Amino acid sequence: LLGSHIDSQPEGGWLDGALGVIAALEVARAAREAG
């Protein structure tokens, strides 16, 4: 299982949590493509 979160602070940055979720999604896609 890979991931993190995508909710933000009231004044938040674009990468906090979101990076981990989208990185997880890309690794999951690449892994499926690689078998």
Full PDB file with SEQRES, HELIX, SHEET, SSBOND, CRYST1, ORIGX, SCALE, CONECT and MASTER records, all heavy atoms in Angstrom:
SEQRES   1 A   35  LEU LEU GLY SER HIS ILE ASP SER GLN PRO GLU GLY GLY          
SEQRES   2 A   35  TRP LEU ASP GLY ALA LEU GLY VAL ILE ALA ALA LEU GLU          
SEQRES   3 A   35  VAL ALA ARG ALA ALA ARG GLU ALA GLY                          
HELIX    1 AA1 ALA A   18  ALA A   34  1                                  17    
CRYST1    1.000    1.000    1.000  90.00  90.00  90.00 P 1           1          
ORIGX1      1.000000  0.000000  0.000000        0.00000                         
ORIGX2      0.000000  1.000000  0.000000        0.00000                         
ORIGX3      0.000000  0.000000  1.000000        0.00000                         
SCALE1      1.000000  0.000000  0.000000        0.00000                         
SCALE2      0.000000  1.000000  0.000000        0.00000                         
SCALE3      0.000000  0.000000  1.000000        0.00000                         
ATOM      1  N   LEU A   1       0.842  -1.191   0.000  1.00  0.00           N  
ATOM      2  CA  LEU A   1       0.000   0.000   0.000  1.00  0.00           C  
ATOM      3  C   LEU A   1       0.882   1.247   0.000  1.00  0.00           C  
ATOM      4  O   LEU A   1       1.794   1.375   0.823  1.00  0.00           O  
ATOM      5  CB  LEU A   1      -0.907  -0.004   1.236  1.00  0.00           C  
ATOM      6  CG  LEU A   1      -1.894   1.164   1.390  1.00  0.00           C  
ATOM      7  CD1 LEU A   1      -2.929   1.149   0.263  1.00  0.00           C  
ATOM      8  CD2 LEU A   1      -2.583   1.092   2.754  1.00  0.00           C  
ATOM      9  N   LEU A   2       0.610   2.165  -0.921  1.00  0.00           N  
ATOM     10  CA  LEU A   2       1.314   3.437  -1.003  1.00  0.00           C  
ATOM     11  C   LEU A   2       0.297   4.567  -0.908  1.00  0.00           C  
ATOM     12  O   LEU A   2      -0.857   4.400  -1.300  1.00  0.00           O  
ATOM     13  CB  LEU A   2       2.067   3.573  -2.331  1.00  0.00           C  
ATOM     14  CG  LEU A   2       2.985   2.436  -2.776  1.00  0.00           C  
ATOM     15  CD1 LEU A   2       3.609   2.785  -4.135  1.00  0.00           C  
ATOM     16  CD2 LEU A   2       4.068   2.165  -1.751  1.00  0.00           C  
ATOM     17  N   GLY A   3       0.723   5.730  -0.419  1.00  0.00           N  
ATOM     18  CA  GLY A   3      -0.183   6.867  -0.407  1.00  0.00           C  
ATOM     19  C   GLY A   3       0.093   7.836   0.708  1.00  0.00           C  
ATOM     20  O   GLY A   3       1.131   7.794   1.375  1.00  0.00           O  
ATOM     21  N   SER A   4      -0.869   8.737   0.936  1.00  0.00           N  
ATOM     22  CA  SER A   4      -0.760   9.772   1.958  1.00  0.00           C  
ATOM     23  C   SER A   4      -2.143  10.412   2.100  1.00  0.00           C  
ATOM     24  O   SER A   4      -3.109   9.727   2.397  1.00  0.00           O  
ATOM     25  CB  SER A   4       0.325  10.790   1.573  1.00  0.00           C  
ATOM     26  OG  SER A   4       0.599  11.679   2.626  1.00  0.00           O  
ATOM     27  N   HIS A   5      -2.266  11.717   1.837  1.00  0.00           N  
ATOM     28  CA  HIS A   5      -3.547  12.409   1.965  1.00  0.00           C  
ATOM     29  C   HIS A   5      -3.580  13.565   0.967  1.00  0.00           C  
ATOM     30  O   HIS A   5      -2.534  13.995   0.473  1.00  0.00           O  
ATOM     31  CB  HIS A   5      -3.727  12.966   3.387  1.00  0.00           C  
ATOM     32  CG  HIS A   5      -2.717  14.014   3.742  1.00  0.00           C  
ATOM     33  ND1 HIS A   5      -2.965  15.374   3.614  1.00  0.00           N  
ATOM     34  CD2 HIS A   5      -1.439  13.926   4.200  1.00  0.00           C  
ATOM     35  CE1 HIS A   5      -1.892  16.054   3.993  1.00  0.00           C  
ATOM     36  NE2 HIS A   5      -0.947  15.207   4.343  1.00  0.00           N  
ATOM     37  N   ILE A   6      -4.786  14.100   0.684  1.00  0.00           N  
ATOM     38  CA  ILE A   6      -4.873  15.240  -0.225  1.00  0.00           C  
ATOM     39  C   ILE A   6      -5.585  16.435   0.405  1.00  0.00           C  
ATOM     40  O   ILE A   6      -5.711  17.480  -0.243  1.00  0.00           O  
ATOM     41  CB  ILE A   6      -5.551  14.884  -1.568  1.00  0.00           C  
ATOM     42  CG1 ILE A   6      -7.009  14.466  -1.366  1.00  0.00           C  
ATOM     43  CG2 ILE A   6      -4.755  13.804  -2.299  1.00  0.00           C  
ATOM     44  CD1 ILE A   6      -7.786  14.359  -2.684  1.00  0.00           C  
ATOM     45  N   ASP A   7      -6.067  16.318   1.639  1.00  0.00           N  
ATOM     46  CA  ASP A   7      -6.642  17.491   2.303  1.00  0.00           C  
ATOM     47  C   ASP A   7      -5.512  18.433   2.701  1.00  0.00           C  
ATOM     48  O   ASP A   7      -4.360  18.014   2.850  1.00  0.00           O  
ATOM     49  CB  ASP A   7      -7.470  17.087   3.518  1.00  0.00           C  
ATOM     50  CG  ASP A   7      -6.652  16.387   4.589  1.00  0.00           C  
ATOM     51  OD1 ASP A   7      -6.058  15.338   4.283  1.00  0.00           O  
ATOM     52  OD2 ASP A   7      -6.590  16.887   5.736  1.00  0.00           O  
ATOM     53  N   SER A   8      -5.847  19.714   2.869  1.00  0.00           N  
ATOM     54  CA  SER A   8      -4.810  20.710   3.155  1.00  0.00           C  
ATOM     55  C   SER A   8      -5.108  21.470   4.435  1.00  0.00           C  
ATOM     56  O   SER A   8      -6.207  21.414   4.989  1.00  0.00           O  
ATOM     57  CB  SER A   8      -4.705  21.720   1.998  1.00  0.00           C  
ATOM     58  OG  SER A   8      -5.709  22.726   2.102  1.00  0.00           O  
ATOM     59  N   GLN A   9      -4.107  22.224   4.871  1.00  0.00           N  
ATOM     60  CA  GLN A   9      -4.298  23.198   5.933  1.00  0.00           C  
ATOM     61  C   GLN A   9      -5.190  24.337   5.420  1.00  0.00           C  
ATOM     62  O   GLN A   9      -5.396  24.468   4.209  1.00  0.00           O  
ATOM     63  CB  GLN A   9      -2.943  23.760   6.366  1.00  0.00           C  
ATOM     64  CG  GLN A   9      -2.083  22.789   7.158  1.00  0.00           C  
ATOM     65  CD  GLN A   9      -2.596  22.584   8.572  1.00  0.00           C  
ATOM     66  OE1 GLN A   9      -3.166  23.487   9.176  1.00  0.00           O  
ATOM     67  NE2 GLN A   9      -2.391  21.392   9.107  1.00  0.00           N  
ATOM     68  N   PRO A  10      -5.721  25.195   6.310  1.00  0.00           N  
ATOM     69  CA  PRO A  10      -6.532  26.326   5.845  1.00  0.00           C  
ATOM     70  C   PRO A  10      -5.799  27.214   4.842  1.00  0.00           C  
ATOM     71  O   PRO A  10      -6.419  27.777   3.941  1.00  0.00           O  
ATOM     72  CB  PRO A  10      -6.850  27.087   7.130  1.00  0.00           C  
ATOM     73  CG  PRO A  10      -6.812  26.037   8.201  1.00  0.00           C  
ATOM     74  CD  PRO A  10      -5.720  25.097   7.781  1.00  0.00           C  
ATOM     75  N   GLU A  11      -4.486  27.354   5.005  1.00  0.00           N  
ATOM     76  CA  GLU A  11      -3.628  27.968   3.993  1.00  0.00           C  
ATOM     77  C   GLU A  11      -2.500  26.987   3.733  1.00  0.00           C  
ATOM     78  O   GLU A  11      -1.503  26.964   4.443  1.00  0.00           O  
ATOM     79  CB  GLU A  11      -3.084  29.322   4.458  1.00  0.00           C  
ATOM     80  CG  GLU A  11      -4.147  30.397   4.582  1.00  0.00           C  
ATOM     81  CD  GLU A  11      -3.563  31.778   4.822  1.00  0.00           C  
ATOM     82  OE1 GLU A  11      -2.310  31.903   4.859  1.00  0.00           O  
ATOM     83  OE2 GLU A  11      -4.345  32.725   4.982  1.00  0.00           O  
ATOM     84  N   GLY A  12      -2.679  26.144   2.740  1.00  0.00           N  
ATOM     85  CA  GLY A  12      -1.777  25.021   2.558  1.00  0.00           C  
ATOM     86  C   GLY A  12      -0.953  25.072   1.295  1.00  0.00           C  
ATOM     87  O   GLY A  12      -1.186  25.891   0.397  1.00  0.00           O  
ATOM     88  N   GLY A  13       0.015  24.169   1.230  1.00  0.00           N  
ATOM     89  CA  GLY A  13       0.849  24.019   0.048  1.00  0.00           C  
ATOM     90  C   GLY A  13       0.303  22.941  -0.864  1.00  0.00           C  
ATOM     91  O   GLY A  13      -0.542  22.134  -0.483  1.00  0.00           O  
ATOM     92  N   TRP A  14       0.827  22.900  -2.082  1.00  0.00           N  
ATOM     93  CA  TRP A  14       0.288  21.988  -3.097  1.00  0.00           C  
ATOM     94  C   TRP A  14       0.846  20.577  -3.016  1.00  0.00           C  
ATOM     95  O   TRP A  14       0.320  19.662  -3.660  1.00  0.00           O  
ATOM     96  CB  TRP A  14       0.527  22.572  -4.483  1.00  0.00           C  
ATOM     97  CG  TRP A  14       1.950  22.533  -5.004  1.00  0.00           C  
ATOM     98  CD1 TRP A  14       3.030  23.159  -4.474  1.00  0.00           C  
ATOM     99  CD2 TRP A  14       2.417  21.858  -6.180  1.00  0.00           C  
ATOM    100  NE1 TRP A  14       4.156  22.923  -5.231  1.00  0.00           N  
ATOM    101  CE2 TRP A  14       3.796  22.133  -6.291  1.00  0.00           C  
ATOM    102  CE3 TRP A  14       1.815  21.072  -7.150  1.00  0.00           C  
ATOM    103  CZ2 TRP A  14       4.579  21.633  -7.332  1.00  0.00           C  
ATOM    104  CZ3 TRP A  14       2.587  20.569  -8.191  1.00  0.00           C  
ATOM    105  CH2 TRP A  14       3.944  20.849  -8.280  1.00  0.00           C  
ATOM    106  N   LEU A  15       1.903  20.381  -2.194  1.00  0.00           N  
ATOM    107  CA  LEU A  15       2.582  19.093  -2.177  1.00  0.00           C  
ATOM    108  C   LEU A  15       2.368  18.292  -0.891  1.00  0.00           C  
ATOM    109  O   LEU A  15       2.555  17.070  -0.893  1.00  0.00           O  
ATOM    110  CB  LEU A  15       4.091  19.298  -2.375  1.00  0.00           C  
ATOM    111  CG  LEU A  15       4.495  19.879  -3.728  1.00  0.00           C  
ATOM    112  CD1 LEU A  15       5.975  20.238  -3.725  1.00  0.00           C  
ATOM    113  CD2 LEU A  15       4.179  18.903  -4.854  1.00  0.00           C  
ATOM    114  N   ASP A  16       2.009  18.949   0.180  1.00  0.00           N  
ATOM    115  CA  ASP A  16       1.835  18.289   1.469  1.00  0.00           C  
ATOM    116  C   ASP A  16       0.780  17.197   1.349  1.00  0.00           C  
ATOM    117  O   ASP A  16      -0.410  17.476   1.189  1.00  0.00           O  
ATOM    118  CB  ASP A  16       1.418  19.340   2.508  1.00  0.00           C  
ATOM    119  CG  ASP A  16       1.222  18.765   3.899  1.00  0.00           C  
ATOM    120  OD1 ASP A  16       1.393  17.549   4.088  1.00  0.00           O  
ATOM    121  OD2 ASP A  16       0.893  19.555   4.806  1.00  0.00           O  
ATOM    122  N   GLY A  17       1.206  15.934   1.404  1.00  0.00           N  
ATOM    123  CA  GLY A  17       0.288  14.814   1.262  1.00  0.00           C  
ATOM    124  C   GLY A  17      -0.004  14.480  -0.180  1.00  0.00           C  
ATOM    125  O   GLY A  17       0.101  13.318  -0.592  1.00  0.00           O  
ATOM    126  N   ALA A  18      -0.363  15.483  -0.972  1.00  0.00           N  
ATOM    127  CA  ALA A  18      -0.728  15.256  -2.370  1.00  0.00           C  
ATOM    128  C   ALA A  18       0.390  14.562  -3.141  1.00  0.00           C  
ATOM    129  O   ALA A  18       0.141  13.694  -3.990  1.00  0.00           O  
ATOM    130  CB  ALA A  18      -1.080  16.585  -3.030  1.00  0.00           C  
ATOM    131  N   LEU A  19       1.630  14.940  -2.849  1.00  0.00           N  
ATOM    132  CA  LEU A  19       2.768  14.302  -3.521  1.00  0.00           C  
ATOM    133  C   LEU A  19       2.749  12.795  -3.314  1.00  0.00           C  
ATOM    134  O   LEU A  19       2.934  12.024  -4.264  1.00  0.00           O  
ATOM    135  CB  LEU A  19       4.080  14.890  -2.991  1.00  0.00           C  
ATOM    136  CG  LEU A  19       5.355  14.165  -3.430  1.00  0.00           C  
ATOM    137  CD1 LEU A  19       5.526  14.216  -4.942  1.00  0.00           C  
ATOM    138  CD2 LEU A  19       6.576  14.748  -2.731  1.00  0.00           C  
ATOM    139  N   GLY A  20       2.540  12.367  -2.076  1.00  0.00           N  
ATOM    140  CA  GLY A  20       2.563  10.936  -1.776  1.00  0.00           C  
ATOM    141  C   GLY A  20       1.451  10.163  -2.458  1.00  0.00           C  
ATOM    142  O   GLY A  20       1.635   9.005  -2.870  1.00  0.00           O  
ATOM    143  N   VAL A  21       0.294  10.796  -2.614  1.00  0.00           N  
ATOM    144  CA  VAL A  21      -0.839  10.123  -3.254  1.00  0.00           C  
ATOM    145  C   VAL A  21      -0.610   9.988  -4.759  1.00  0.00           C  
ATOM    146  O   VAL A  21      -0.815   8.912  -5.339  1.00  0.00           O  
ATOM    147  CB  VAL A  21      -2.143  10.885  -2.972  1.00  0.00           C  
ATOM    148  CG1 VAL A  21      -3.303  10.276  -3.770  1.00  0.00           C  
ATOM    149  CG2 VAL A  21      -2.460  10.852  -1.477  1.00  0.00           C  
ATOM    150  N   ILE A  22      -0.173  11.068  -5.402  1.00  0.00           N  
ATOM    151  CA  ILE A  22       0.025  11.007  -6.852  1.00  0.00           C  
ATOM    152  C   ILE A  22       1.244  10.154  -7.204  1.00  0.00           C  
ATOM    153  O   ILE A  22       1.245   9.449  -8.225  1.00  0.00           O  
ATOM    154  CB  ILE A  22       0.145  12.424  -7.436  1.00  0.00           C  
ATOM    155  CG1 ILE A  22      -1.135  13.215  -7.144  1.00  0.00           C  
ATOM    156  CG2 ILE A  22       0.390  12.358  -8.935  1.00  0.00           C  
ATOM    157  CD1 ILE A  22      -2.414  12.570  -7.664  1.00  0.00           C  
ATOM    158  N   ALA A  23       2.277  10.183  -6.365  1.00  0.00           N  
ATOM    159  CA  ALA A  23       3.418   9.282  -6.582  1.00  0.00           C  
ATOM    160  C   ALA A  23       2.964   7.831  -6.468  1.00  0.00           C  
ATOM    161  O   ALA A  23       3.372   6.972  -7.264  1.00  0.00           O  
ATOM    162  CB  ALA A  23       4.520   9.581  -5.573  1.00  0.00           C  
ATOM    163  N   ALA A  24       2.118   7.544  -5.482  1.00  0.00           N  
ATOM    164  CA  ALA A  24       1.588   6.187  -5.322  1.00  0.00           C  
ATOM    165  C   ALA A  24       0.804   5.758  -6.554  1.00  0.00           C  
ATOM    166  O   ALA A  24       0.929   4.622  -7.039  1.00  0.00           O  
ATOM    167  CB  ALA A  24       0.707   6.133  -4.067  1.00  0.00           C  
ATOM    168  N   LEU A  25      -0.028   6.668  -7.064  1.00  0.00           N  
ATOM    169  CA  LEU A  25      -0.821   6.360  -8.250  1.00  0.00           C  
ATOM    170  C   LEU A  25       0.074   6.053  -9.442  1.00  0.00           C  
ATOM    171  O   LEU A  25      -0.175   5.092 -10.188  1.00  0.00           O  
ATOM    172  CB  LEU A  25      -1.734   7.552  -8.566  1.00  0.00           C  
ATOM    173  CG  LEU A  25      -2.606   7.437  -9.812  1.00  0.00           C  
ATOM    174  CD1 LEU A  25      -3.579   6.272  -9.691  1.00  0.00           C  
ATOM    175  CD2 LEU A  25      -3.369   8.748 -10.045  1.00  0.00           C  
ATOM    176  N   GLU A  26       1.137   6.832  -9.634  1.00  0.00           N  
ATOM    177  CA  GLU A  26       2.034   6.595 -10.764  1.00  0.00           C  
ATOM    178  C   GLU A  26       2.777   5.267 -10.617  1.00  0.00           C  
ATOM    179  O   GLU A  26       2.930   4.527 -11.594  1.00  0.00           O  
ATOM    180  CB  GLU A  26       3.026   7.750 -10.914  1.00  0.00           C  
ATOM    181  CG  GLU A  26       4.060   7.544 -12.024  1.00  0.00           C  
ATOM    182  CD  GLU A  26       3.431   7.241 -13.383  1.00  0.00           C  
ATOM    183  OE1 GLU A  26       2.321   7.749 -13.675  1.00  0.00           O  
ATOM    184  OE2 GLU A  26       4.046   6.474 -14.155  1.00  0.00           O  
ATOM    185  N   VAL A  27       3.231   4.951  -9.409  1.00  0.00           N  
ATOM    186  CA  VAL A  27       3.917   3.669  -9.204  1.00  0.00           C  
ATOM    187  C   VAL A  27       2.950   2.514  -9.439  1.00  0.00           C  
ATOM    188  O   VAL A  27       3.314   1.492 -10.041  1.00  0.00           O  
ATOM    189  CB  VAL A  27       4.538   3.594  -7.793  1.00  0.00           C  
ATOM    190  CG1 VAL A  27       5.099   2.194  -7.520  1.00  0.00           C  
ATOM    191  CG2 VAL A  27       5.647   4.638  -7.649  1.00  0.00           C  
ATOM    192  N   ALA A  28       1.697   2.658  -9.003  1.00  0.00           N  
ATOM    193  CA  ALA A  28       0.701   1.604  -9.231  1.00  0.00           C  
ATOM    194  C   ALA A  28       0.463   1.394 -10.721  1.00  0.00           C  
ATOM    195  O   ALA A  28       0.365   0.247 -11.197  1.00  0.00           O  
ATOM    196  CB  ALA A  28      -0.602   1.959  -8.521  1.00  0.00           C  
ATOM    197  N   ARG A  29       0.373   2.495 -11.478  1.00  0.00           N  
ATOM    198  CA  ARG A  29       0.184   2.379 -12.930  1.00  0.00           C  
ATOM    199  C   ARG A  29       1.390   1.720 -13.590  1.00  0.00           C  
ATOM    200  O   ARG A  29       1.242   0.815 -14.429  1.00  0.00           O  
ATOM    201  CB  ARG A  29      -0.041   3.768 -13.538  1.00  0.00           C  
ATOM    202  CG  ARG A  29      -1.400   4.355 -13.266  1.00  0.00           C  
ATOM    203  CD  ARG A  29      -1.631   5.664 -13.985  1.00  0.00           C  
ATOM    204  NE  ARG A  29      -0.753   6.725 -13.541  1.00  0.00           N  
ATOM    205  CZ  ARG A  29      -1.130   7.991 -13.384  1.00  0.00           C  
ATOM    206  NH1 ARG A  29      -2.375   8.349 -13.639  1.00  0.00           N  
ATOM    207  NH2 ARG A  29      -0.277   8.916 -12.992  1.00  0.00           N  
ATOM    208  N   ALA A  30       2.581   2.192 -13.222  1.00  0.00           N  
ATOM    209  CA  ALA A  30       3.792   1.634 -13.824  1.00  0.00           C  
ATOM    210  C   ALA A  30       3.944   0.157 -13.488  1.00  0.00           C  
ATOM    211  O   ALA A  30       4.378  -0.640 -14.334  1.00  0.00           O  
ATOM    212  CB  ALA A  30       5.014   2.420 -13.336  1.00  0.00           C  
ATOM    213  N   ALA A  31       3.596  -0.214 -12.267  1.00  0.00           N  
ATOM    214  CA  ALA A  31       3.694  -1.613 -11.856  1.00  0.00           C  
ATOM    215  C   ALA A  31       2.728  -2.482 -12.651  1.00  0.00           C  
ATOM    216  O   ALA A  31       3.082  -3.595 -13.087  1.00  0.00           O  
ATOM    217  CB  ALA A  31       3.436  -1.741 -10.364  1.00  0.00           C  
ATOM    218  N   ARG A  32       1.512  -2.003 -12.873  1.00  0.00           N  
ATOM    219  CA  ARG A  32       0.541  -2.772 -13.661  1.00  0.00           C  
ATOM    220  C   ARG A  32       1.018  -2.908 -15.103  1.00  0.00           C  
ATOM    221  O   ARG A  32       0.870  -3.973 -15.727  1.00  0.00           O  
ATOM    222  CB  ARG A  32      -0.829  -2.109 -13.614  1.00  0.00           C  
ATOM    223  CG  ARG A  32      -1.516  -2.215 -12.257  1.00  0.00           C  
ATOM    224  CD  ARG A  32      -2.885  -1.570 -12.274  1.00  0.00           C  
ATOM    225  NE  ARG A  32      -3.850  -2.358 -13.022  1.00  0.00           N  
ATOM    226  CZ  ARG A  32      -4.541  -3.375 -12.522  1.00  0.00           C  
ATOM    227  NH1 ARG A  32      -4.346  -3.771 -11.262  1.00  0.00           N  
ATOM    228  NH2 ARG A  32      -5.400  -4.044 -13.258  1.00  0.00           N  
ATOM    229  N   GLU A  33       1.595  -1.850 -15.630  1.00  0.00           N  
ATOM    230  CA  GLU A  33       2.104  -1.891 -16.997  1.00  0.00           C  
ATOM    231  C   GLU A  33       3.273  -2.849 -17.132  1.00  0.00           C  
ATOM    232  O   GLU A  33       3.490  -3.432 -18.203  1.00  0.00           O  
ATOM    233  CB  GLU A  33       2.512  -0.486 -17.437  1.00  0.00           C  
ATOM    234  CG  GLU A  33       1.321   0.452 -17.610  1.00  0.00           C  
ATOM    235  CD  GLU A  33       1.713   1.921 -17.668  1.00  0.00           C  
ATOM    236  OE1 GLU A  33       2.924   2.225 -17.532  1.00  0.00           O  
ATOM    237  OE2 GLU A  33       0.820   2.771 -17.838  1.00  0.00           O  
ATOM    238  N   ALA A  34       4.024  -3.019 -16.029  1.00  0.00           N  
ATOM    239  CA  ALA A  34       5.194  -3.912 -16.046  1.00  0.00           C  
ATOM    240  C   ALA A  34       4.841  -5.341 -15.658  1.00  0.00           C  
ATOM    241  O   ALA A  34       5.706  -6.216 -15.673  1.00  0.00           O  
ATOM    242  CB  ALA A  34       6.261  -3.366 -15.095  1.00  0.00           C  
ATOM    243  N   GLY A  35       3.589  -5.571 -15.273  1.00  0.00           N  
ATOM    244  CA  GLY A  35       3.188  -6.916 -14.864  1.00  0.00           C  
ATOM    245  C   GLY A  35       3.465  -7.214 -13.405  1.00  0.00           C  
ATOM    246  O   GLY A  35       3.481  -8.379 -12.997  1.00  0.00           O  
TER     247      GLY A  35                                                      
MASTER        0    0    0    1    0    0    0    6  246    1    0    3          
END                                                                             
